[in-house]
Amino acid sequence: MLAELEWRGLIAERSGGLEDRLRRGPVAAYIGFDASATSLHVGHLLQVFLLTHLQRAGGRPLVVIGGATGMIGDPSGKSSERRLLDDAQIATNAAAIRAQLERFLDFTPGPGEPIMLDNRDWLAAYPMLDFLRDIGKHFTVPYMLAKESVQQRLAAGMSFTEFSYMTLQAADFLHLWRERGVEVQLGGADQWGNITAGLELIRRVSGKGGEGTEPTAFALCSPLLLTRSGVKMGKSEKGAVYLDPSLTSPYEFYQYWMGDEDELAVQHLRWLTLLPREEIDALAAQQAARPGDRPAQHALAFDLTARVHGRAEAERQVRVAEAAFSGSGVTDPAVLDVLYDEVGGFHLTDELLAGDMLGLALASGLFSSRGEARRAMTQGGLSVDGQRATTPDHGVPPLVADRYLLVRAGKKRLAVGRR
């Protein structure tokens, strides 16, 4: 498992002794999701793939839905405090997340079957005084203040609620270590401080894993997936890309990965797909030789879209992308339907259909004035269903599938009329 994660570049941090432990056999490991939205987003994918590689290596993944900690909010990587969620919303979010994880993990009953838990089940039952006595006494204030996630938030103001988050996450690890035999916590690099707090708590409570002895719990963190501007990809960050098609359409999802930077696309193939090393190396060589063809982006966009939205949808998005940027006509109604929703659509009235090309060009929204539309026609910059429209008074052509007309201004701007 570690060898696989290392060549893929999926290890940012790991605690001592993990390699020796994995040599002895598979482990149970967990990742927590705070369930603060109805969908995972692409920033979660690195952690989801850690669980996928764990299961493929024979280990057992556990997913902890933060029904309790989600009401608090993890300060890691955040500049503001999260809103608190009620029980009904967290339950709805958890069910949606489970459905999305089924695209990555095999939930078939057996020794490797993933387990989903809600940390409300144990944290909510903890009396406050017992928690302070059993958990809180093991954390000194200087230890907590030294954590990077705390330091980043202190200047802006940090409530005691958020400050306590570290102890709650550590209590999760302790509970799972005791009750479920979970030896490893996985997460993103920004979680390293919280996860190592859990290692420290287990060491103190168990009396095992101190200096000169073999540890009984371990940590492994992946790098972070960042936005185009270098910010951690998160639900509260502008531009988050969700796995839920009602929040981020399959078209937007596919195009997001098609727009990946050349220098990151091959890295993301290693991080976010299960393609074998030989295939990724071949794509890297093609990318270096012909970057304009963007082979890595094509492979990445297709593979991720197929996993998240299904292979049929990924194949449709390939057709949509080819249609959108080919400059030619399109006869596939399914493709035109997507383009109508995603790149600009307008209504084809009987008046427009009985009129001329100039009226159609203006109705498409691609031109701001009649003069601009006329100039485009005379310069060969307007086409309808793949045919150049050179005269303003030329009649509107027949509809595609009795419903659509695809209008292009140049090669990259287009609009779809639908009856």
Protein backbone atom coordinates (compact mmCIF):
# COMPACT_ATOMS: atom_id res chain seq x y z
CA MET A 1 0.00 0.00 0.00
CA LEU A 2 2.74 2.48 0.93
CA ALA A 3 4.66 1.74 -2.27
CA GLU A 4 1.51 2.48 -4.29
CA LEU A 5 0.85 5.71 -2.41
CA GLU A 6 4.48 6.81 -2.68
CA TRP A 7 4.80 6.52 -6.47
CA ARG A 8 1.47 8.32 -6.82
CA GLY A 9 2.74 11.13 -4.58
CA LEU A 10 -0.12 10.68 -2.13
CA ILE A 11 1.92 10.86 1.07
CA ALA A 12 2.58 14.27 2.59
CA GLU A 13 3.12 13.11 6.18
CA ARG A 14 3.21 9.79 7.98
CA SER A 15 3.98 8.76 11.53
CA GLY A 16 6.81 6.47 12.56
CA GLY A 17 6.33 2.72 12.58
CA LEU A 18 3.57 2.63 9.96
CA GLU A 19 5.64 0.72 7.40
CA ASP A 20 6.58 -1.95 9.94
CA ARG A 21 2.93 -2.30 10.98
CA LEU A 22 1.71 -2.71 7.40
CA ARG A 23 4.27 -5.44 6.77
CA ARG A 24 2.44 -7.53 9.37
CA GLY A 25 -0.87 -7.37 7.51
CA PRO A 26 -3.85 -5.20 6.63
CA VAL A 27 -5.18 -2.54 8.99
CA ALA A 28 -8.43 -0.73 9.66
CA ALA A 29 -8.13 2.99 9.01
CA TYR A 30 -10.56 5.87 9.12
CA ILE A 31 -11.21 9.30 7.71
CA GLY A 32 -13.71 11.79 9.07
CA PHE A 33 -16.01 13.95 6.96
CA ASP A 34 -17.87 16.75 8.71
CA ALA A 35 -21.06 16.37 6.66
CA SER A 36 -21.54 20.13 6.53
CA ALA A 37 -22.92 19.98 2.96
CA THR A 38 -25.12 17.65 0.92
CA SER A 39 -22.18 16.62 -1.22
CA LEU A 40 -18.51 15.87 -1.16
CA HIS A 41 -16.41 18.14 -3.37
CA VAL A 42 -13.27 17.49 -5.37
CA GLY A 43 -11.12 18.62 -2.43
CA HIS A 44 -12.24 15.44 -0.65
CA LEU A 45 -11.15 13.17 -3.48
CA LEU A 46 -7.58 12.73 -2.29
CA GLN A 47 -8.82 11.38 1.03
CA VAL A 48 -11.40 9.19 -0.68
CA PHE A 49 -8.65 7.70 -2.84
CA LEU A 50 -6.61 6.97 0.29
CA LEU A 51 -9.52 4.81 1.47
CA THR A 52 -9.77 3.24 -1.99
CA HIS A 53 -6.10 2.25 -1.99
CA LEU A 54 -6.45 0.96 1.58
CA GLN A 55 -9.34 -1.30 0.59
CA ARG A 56 -7.55 -2.51 -2.57
CA ALA A 57 -4.60 -3.51 -0.35
CA GLY A 58 -6.87 -5.61 1.87
CA GLY A 59 -7.52 -3.07 4.62
CA ARG A 60 -10.86 -2.00 6.03
CA PRO A 61 -12.00 1.59 5.52
CA LEU A 62 -14.09 3.36 8.13
CA VAL A 63 -15.82 6.65 7.37
CA VAL A 64 -16.80 8.79 10.32
CA ILE A 65 -19.52 11.29 9.59
CA GLY A 66 -19.02 14.19 11.96
CA GLY A 67 -22.52 14.46 13.35
CA ALA A 68 -20.99 15.90 16.50
CA THR A 69 -17.84 17.59 15.20
CA GLY A 70 -19.76 18.90 12.19
CA MET A 71 -21.82 20.94 14.63
CA ILE A 72 -18.58 22.47 15.93
CA GLY A 73 -16.53 23.04 12.79
CA ASP A 74 -12.87 22.27 12.21
CA PRO A 75 -10.76 25.45 12.08
CA SER A 76 -8.09 23.83 9.90
CA GLY A 77 -7.49 25.82 6.74
CA LYS A 78 -10.38 28.17 7.45
CA SER A 79 -10.45 31.92 7.92
CA SER A 80 -13.91 32.03 9.49
CA GLU A 81 -16.05 29.91 11.79
CA ARG A 82 -18.56 27.55 10.25
CA ARG A 83 -22.26 27.72 10.92
CA LEU A 84 -23.69 25.08 13.24
CA LEU A 85 -25.94 22.41 11.71
CA ASP A 86 -29.00 20.70 13.11
CA ASP A 87 -29.54 16.93 13.38
CA ALA A 88 -31.88 16.64 10.40
CA GLN A 89 -29.49 18.42 8.04
CA ILE A 90 -26.53 16.32 9.14
CA ALA A 91 -28.54 13.10 8.61
CA THR A 92 -29.49 14.23 5.10
CA ASN A 93 -25.89 15.13 4.28
CA ALA A 94 -24.59 11.81 5.61
CA ALA A 95 -26.95 9.80 3.41
CA ALA A 96 -25.85 11.75 0.33
CA ILE A 97 -22.17 11.23 1.14
CA ARG A 98 -22.69 7.48 1.55
CA ALA A 99 -24.19 7.29 -1.95
CA GLN A 100 -21.22 9.16 -3.42
CA LEU A 101 -18.68 6.95 -1.66
CA GLU A 102 -20.25 3.90 -3.28
CA ARG A 103 -18.69 5.12 -6.54
CA PHE A 104 -15.22 4.64 -5.03
CA LEU A 105 -15.49 1.93 -2.38
CA ASP A 106 -16.85 -1.61 -2.57
CA PHE A 107 -19.62 -2.00 0.02
CA THR A 108 -20.05 -5.73 -0.64
CA PRO A 109 -20.29 -7.56 2.73
CA GLY A 110 -16.98 -9.06 3.82
CA PRO A 111 -13.82 -8.34 5.82
CA GLY A 112 -13.02 -5.26 3.71
CA GLU A 113 -16.53 -3.82 3.73
CA PRO A 114 -16.46 -0.10 4.61
CA ILE A 115 -18.12 0.93 7.84
CA MET A 116 -19.86 4.28 8.18
CA LEU A 117 -20.30 5.74 11.64
CA ASP A 118 -21.60 8.98 13.15
CA ASN A 119 -19.46 10.34 15.98
CA ARG A 120 -22.59 11.66 17.68
CA ASP A 121 -23.13 8.07 18.77
CA TRP A 122 -20.28 8.33 21.27
CA LEU A 123 -19.45 12.02 21.66
CA ALA A 124 -23.05 13.14 22.32
CA ALA A 125 -23.30 10.60 25.12
CA TYR A 126 -20.21 11.98 26.90
CA PRO A 127 -21.13 14.01 30.01
CA MET A 128 -19.22 17.29 29.94
CA LEU A 129 -17.42 16.75 33.24
CA ASP A 130 -16.42 13.22 32.26
CA PHE A 131 -15.06 14.49 28.94
CA LEU A 132 -12.98 17.16 30.65
CA ARG A 133 -11.66 14.64 33.15
CA ASP A 134 -11.03 11.73 30.75
CA ILE A 135 -9.95 13.59 27.61
CA GLY A 136 -9.26 17.23 28.39
CA LYS A 137 -6.71 16.55 31.14
CA HIS A 138 -4.34 15.05 28.56
CA PHE A 139 -4.05 18.30 26.56
CA THR A 140 -2.07 21.28 27.78
CA VAL A 141 -3.00 24.75 26.52
CA PRO A 142 0.54 25.38 25.14
CA TYR A 143 0.31 22.08 23.18
CA MET A 144 -2.99 23.13 21.63
CA LEU A 145 -1.88 26.69 20.92
CA ALA A 146 1.18 25.41 19.07
CA LYS A 147 -0.94 23.67 16.44
CA GLU A 148 -0.85 25.44 13.07
CA SER A 149 -4.61 25.28 12.60
CA VAL A 150 -5.04 27.21 15.86
CA GLN A 151 -2.30 29.71 15.11
CA GLN A 152 -3.87 30.63 11.78
CA ARG A 153 -7.17 31.53 13.41
CA LEU A 154 -6.11 33.24 16.61
CA ALA A 155 -5.54 36.67 15.11
CA ALA A 156 -9.01 36.75 13.54
CA GLY A 157 -10.68 35.52 16.70
CA MET A 158 -11.43 31.93 17.62
CA SER A 159 -14.25 30.70 19.82
CA PHE A 160 -13.77 28.13 22.54
CA THR A 161 -16.11 25.93 20.50
CA GLU A 162 -13.61 25.72 17.64
CA PHE A 163 -10.65 25.57 20.01
CA SER A 164 -12.11 22.37 21.46
CA TYR A 165 -12.34 20.67 18.07
CA MET A 166 -8.91 19.08 18.38
CA THR A 167 -9.86 17.27 21.58
CA LEU A 168 -13.07 15.95 20.01
CA GLN A 169 -11.24 14.55 16.98
CA ALA A 170 -8.66 12.98 19.26
CA ALA A 171 -11.49 11.41 21.27
CA ASP A 172 -12.84 9.94 18.01
CA PHE A 173 -9.53 8.23 17.30
CA LEU A 174 -9.31 6.90 20.85
CA HIS A 175 -12.86 5.52 20.68
CA LEU A 176 -12.30 3.82 17.33
CA TRP A 177 -8.94 2.43 18.47
CA ARG A 178 -10.58 0.92 21.57
CA GLU A 179 -13.92 -0.21 20.15
CA ARG A 180 -13.19 -0.98 16.49
CA GLY A 181 -9.51 -1.84 16.41
CA VAL A 182 -8.74 1.13 14.15
CA GLU A 183 -5.00 1.70 14.08
CA VAL A 184 -4.62 4.43 11.43
CA GLN A 185 -6.21 7.79 10.86
CA LEU A 186 -5.98 9.20 7.33
CA GLY A 187 -6.56 12.77 6.23
CA GLY A 188 -5.32 15.79 4.35
CA ALA A 189 -2.08 17.53 5.26
CA ASP A 190 -3.98 20.28 7.07
CA GLN A 191 -5.25 17.62 9.51
CA TRP A 192 -1.79 16.56 10.67
CA GLY A 193 -2.02 18.53 13.91
CA ASN A 194 -5.44 17.12 14.81
CA ILE A 195 -4.45 13.56 13.90
CA THR A 196 -1.21 13.61 15.87
CA ALA A 197 -3.20 14.94 18.84
CA GLY A 198 -5.13 11.69 18.62
CA LEU A 199 -1.89 9.69 18.56
CA GLU A 200 -0.76 11.54 21.68
CA LEU A 201 -4.07 10.89 23.45
CA ILE A 202 -3.92 7.15 22.66
CA ARG A 203 -0.33 7.01 23.87
CA ARG A 204 -1.18 8.74 27.15
CA VAL A 205 -4.34 6.76 27.86
CA SER A 206 -2.93 3.36 26.88
CA GLY A 207 0.56 3.84 28.23
CA LYS A 208 1.83 2.33 24.96
CA GLY A 209 3.84 3.83 22.14
CA GLY A 210 6.17 5.95 24.23
CA GLU A 211 9.87 6.45 23.62
CA GLY A 212 11.63 3.18 22.95
CA THR A 213 8.38 1.23 22.44
CA GLU A 214 6.42 0.31 19.35
CA PRO A 215 3.48 2.63 18.59
CA THR A 216 -0.04 1.22 18.52
CA ALA A 217 -1.66 3.94 16.42
CA PHE A 218 -0.52 5.68 13.26
CA ALA A 219 -1.22 8.63 10.97
CA LEU A 220 -0.93 9.23 7.24
CA CYS A 221 -1.80 12.46 5.44
CA SER A 222 -2.12 13.24 1.74
CA PRO A 223 -1.27 16.52 0.04
CA LEU A 224 -4.08 19.03 -0.44
CA LEU A 225 -5.94 19.65 -3.66
CA LEU A 226 -5.81 23.40 -4.21
CA THR A 227 -7.95 25.75 -6.27
CA ARG A 228 -6.49 27.46 -9.32
CA SER A 229 -5.50 30.37 -7.06
CA GLY A 230 -3.67 28.12 -4.60
CA VAL A 231 -6.40 28.02 -1.92
CA LYS A 232 -7.48 24.75 -0.31
CA MET A 233 -10.44 23.36 -2.21
CA GLY A 234 -13.33 23.46 0.23
CA LYS A 235 -17.09 23.84 0.35
CA SER A 236 -16.95 27.37 1.67
CA GLU A 237 -14.32 28.50 -0.83
CA LYS A 238 -15.46 30.24 -4.00
CA GLY A 239 -15.35 27.94 -6.98
CA ALA A 240 -15.83 24.61 -5.18
CA VAL A 241 -16.59 21.74 -7.56
CA TYR A 242 -19.06 19.23 -6.11
CA LEU A 243 -19.74 15.59 -6.91
CA ASP A 244 -23.50 16.17 -6.77
CA PRO A 245 -24.73 16.89 -10.34
CA SER A 246 -27.37 19.29 -9.00
CA LEU A 247 -24.60 21.47 -7.53
CA THR A 248 -21.97 21.04 -10.26
CA SER A 249 -23.29 19.73 -13.57
CA PRO A 250 -21.46 16.87 -15.32
CA TYR A 251 -20.56 19.38 -18.04
CA GLU A 252 -18.96 21.76 -15.52
CA PHE A 253 -17.25 18.83 -13.78
CA TYR A 254 -15.78 17.50 -17.01
CA GLN A 255 -14.71 20.94 -18.21
CA TYR A 256 -13.07 21.69 -14.84
CA TRP A 257 -10.62 18.85 -15.37
CA MET A 258 -10.21 19.64 -19.06
CA GLY A 259 -9.02 23.06 -17.93
CA ASP A 260 -6.35 21.60 -15.65
CA GLU A 261 -2.90 23.17 -15.97
CA ASP A 262 -0.43 21.12 -18.03
CA GLU A 263 2.03 20.82 -15.15
CA LEU A 264 -0.69 19.48 -12.80
CA ALA A 265 -2.67 17.19 -15.09
CA VAL A 266 -0.23 14.26 -14.91
CA GLN A 267 0.08 14.68 -11.14
CA HIS A 268 -3.69 14.61 -10.82
CA LEU A 269 -3.80 11.43 -12.91
CA ARG A 270 -1.62 9.80 -10.26
CA TRP A 271 -3.61 11.26 -7.37
CA LEU A 272 -7.19 10.96 -8.59
CA THR A 273 -7.39 7.86 -10.77
CA LEU A 274 -6.55 4.19 -10.46
CA LEU A 275 -4.85 4.09 -13.86
CA PRO A 276 -1.72 1.91 -13.71
CA ARG A 277 1.75 3.42 -13.65
CA GLU A 278 2.59 2.34 -17.21
CA GLU A 279 -0.49 4.06 -18.63
CA ILE A 280 0.14 7.28 -16.71
CA ASP A 281 3.80 7.28 -17.78
CA ALA A 282 2.70 6.89 -21.40
CA LEU A 283 0.25 9.79 -21.04
CA ALA A 284 3.00 11.90 -19.44
CA ALA A 285 5.24 11.24 -22.43
CA GLN A 286 2.44 12.17 -24.83
CA GLN A 287 1.75 15.33 -22.82
CA ALA A 288 5.40 16.35 -23.02
CA ALA A 289 5.58 15.65 -26.76
CA ARG A 290 2.24 17.22 -27.73
CA PRO A 291 0.96 19.46 -24.93
CA GLY A 292 -1.48 21.15 -27.30
CA ASP A 293 -3.41 17.88 -27.64
CA ARG A 294 -3.84 17.75 -23.84
CA PRO A 295 -3.87 13.93 -23.58
CA ALA A 296 -3.50 14.03 -19.78
CA GLN A 297 -6.47 16.37 -19.38
CA HIS A 298 -8.63 14.20 -21.66
CA ALA A 299 -7.77 11.05 -19.70
CA LEU A 300 -8.26 12.75 -16.32
CA ALA A 301 -11.58 14.36 -17.22
CA PHE A 302 -12.99 11.14 -18.68
CA ASP A 303 -11.84 8.87 -15.85
CA LEU A 304 -13.12 11.10 -13.05
CA THR A 305 -16.40 11.92 -14.77
CA ALA A 306 -17.01 8.22 -15.42
CA ARG A 307 -16.35 7.37 -11.77
CA VAL A 308 -18.47 10.16 -10.33
CA HIS A 309 -21.30 10.35 -12.88
CA GLY A 310 -21.10 7.04 -14.75
CA ARG A 311 -19.40 5.96 -17.97
CA ALA A 312 -22.38 6.83 -20.18
CA GLU A 313 -22.35 10.40 -18.89
CA ALA A 314 -18.59 10.66 -19.40
CA GLU A 315 -18.95 9.48 -22.99
CA ARG A 316 -21.69 12.04 -23.54
CA GLN A 317 -19.48 14.81 -22.15
CA VAL A 318 -16.73 13.80 -24.58
CA ARG A 319 -19.21 14.23 -27.41
CA VAL A 320 -20.40 17.54 -25.95
CA ALA A 321 -16.84 18.87 -25.68
CA GLU A 322 -15.99 17.81 -29.22
CA ALA A 323 -19.17 19.45 -30.48
CA ALA A 324 -18.65 22.65 -28.53
CA PHE A 325 -15.11 23.24 -29.78
CA SER A 326 -15.01 21.57 -33.19
CA GLY A 327 -16.56 24.48 -35.10
CA SER A 328 -18.80 22.10 -37.07
CA GLY A 329 -22.48 21.29 -36.94
CA VAL A 330 -24.05 19.00 -34.34
CA THR A 331 -26.83 16.52 -35.03
CA ASP A 332 -27.00 14.68 -31.68
CA PRO A 333 -30.05 15.95 -29.71
CA ALA A 334 -28.58 14.76 -26.39
CA VAL A 335 -25.46 16.87 -27.00
CA LEU A 336 -27.49 19.90 -28.06
CA ASP A 337 -29.62 19.56 -24.94
CA VAL A 338 -26.51 19.79 -22.75
CA LEU A 339 -25.12 22.74 -24.71
CA TYR A 340 -28.45 24.54 -24.44
CA ASP A 341 -28.27 24.32 -20.63
CA GLU A 342 -24.56 24.94 -20.22
CA VAL A 343 -23.21 27.38 -22.80
CA GLY A 344 -26.17 29.57 -23.61
CA GLY A 345 -29.64 28.84 -24.85
CA PHE A 346 -32.40 30.91 -26.41
CA HIS A 347 -35.97 30.22 -27.45
CA LEU A 348 -36.80 29.69 -31.11
CA THR A 349 -40.10 31.42 -31.74
CA ASP A 350 -42.20 31.01 -34.85
CA GLU A 351 -41.31 34.60 -35.72
CA LEU A 352 -37.58 33.88 -35.57
CA LEU A 353 -37.90 30.73 -37.67
CA ALA A 354 -39.85 32.59 -40.32
CA GLY A 355 -37.33 35.44 -40.36
CA ASP A 356 -33.77 35.83 -41.56
CA MET A 357 -30.24 35.14 -40.32
CA LEU A 358 -29.79 38.62 -38.91
CA GLY A 359 -32.73 38.20 -36.57
CA LEU A 360 -31.46 34.78 -35.51
CA ALA A 361 -27.96 36.14 -34.85
CA LEU A 362 -29.30 38.91 -32.60
CA ALA A 363 -31.65 36.53 -30.74
CA SER A 364 -28.73 34.20 -29.97
CA GLY A 365 -27.15 36.83 -27.71
CA LEU A 366 -23.77 36.40 -29.37
CA PHE A 367 -23.84 39.91 -30.87
CA SER A 368 -24.58 43.21 -29.17
CA SER A 369 -25.90 45.04 -32.27
CA ARG A 370 -27.15 44.55 -35.79
CA GLY A 371 -23.96 46.15 -37.09
CA GLU A 372 -21.75 43.71 -35.25
CA ALA A 373 -23.79 40.78 -36.55
CA ARG A 374 -23.61 42.09 -40.13
CA ARG A 375 -19.81 42.48 -39.93
CA ALA A 376 -19.45 38.94 -38.59
CA MET A 377 -21.42 37.60 -41.52
CA THR A 378 -19.43 39.44 -44.16
CA GLN A 379 -16.18 38.25 -42.52
CA GLY A 380 -17.29 34.62 -42.35
CA GLY A 381 -17.58 34.68 -38.56
CA LEU A 382 -21.15 33.39 -38.23
CA SER A 383 -22.35 29.86 -38.85
CA VAL A 384 -25.59 28.02 -38.18
CA ASP A 385 -25.51 24.23 -37.85
CA GLY A 386 -22.03 24.17 -39.36
CA GLN A 387 -22.88 26.25 -42.43
CA ARG A 388 -21.54 29.79 -42.81
CA ALA A 389 -24.17 32.50 -42.97
CA THR A 390 -22.83 35.27 -45.20
CA THR A 391 -25.92 37.29 -46.05
CA PRO A 392 -28.23 38.88 -43.43
CA ASP A 393 -31.41 38.23 -45.39
CA HIS A 394 -30.77 34.54 -45.94
CA GLY A 395 -33.56 32.37 -44.52
CA VAL A 396 -33.20 30.32 -41.32
CA PRO A 397 -32.25 26.67 -42.09
CA PRO A 398 -34.31 23.64 -41.01
CA LEU A 399 -34.14 22.62 -37.36
CA VAL A 400 -31.99 19.73 -36.15
CA ALA A 401 -34.25 16.99 -34.81
CA ASP A 402 -37.15 19.41 -35.36
CA ARG A 403 -36.05 21.36 -32.32
CA TYR A 404 -32.53 22.87 -32.35
CA LEU A 405 -30.27 25.35 -34.13
CA LEU A 406 -26.60 25.75 -33.19
CA VAL A 407 -25.29 29.28 -33.79
CA ARG A 408 -21.54 29.97 -33.71
CA ALA A 409 -19.66 33.26 -33.62
CA GLY A 410 -16.13 32.36 -34.59
CA LYS A 411 -14.84 29.04 -33.27
CA LYS A 412 -15.29 29.38 -29.51
CA ARG A 413 -18.54 31.29 -28.94
CA LEU A 414 -21.80 29.47 -29.44
CA ALA A 415 -25.45 29.44 -28.46
CA VAL A 416 -28.18 26.86 -28.95
CA GLY A 417 -31.69 27.77 -29.97
CA ARG A 418 -34.40 25.37 -28.87
CA ARG A 419 -38.03 25.26 -29.89
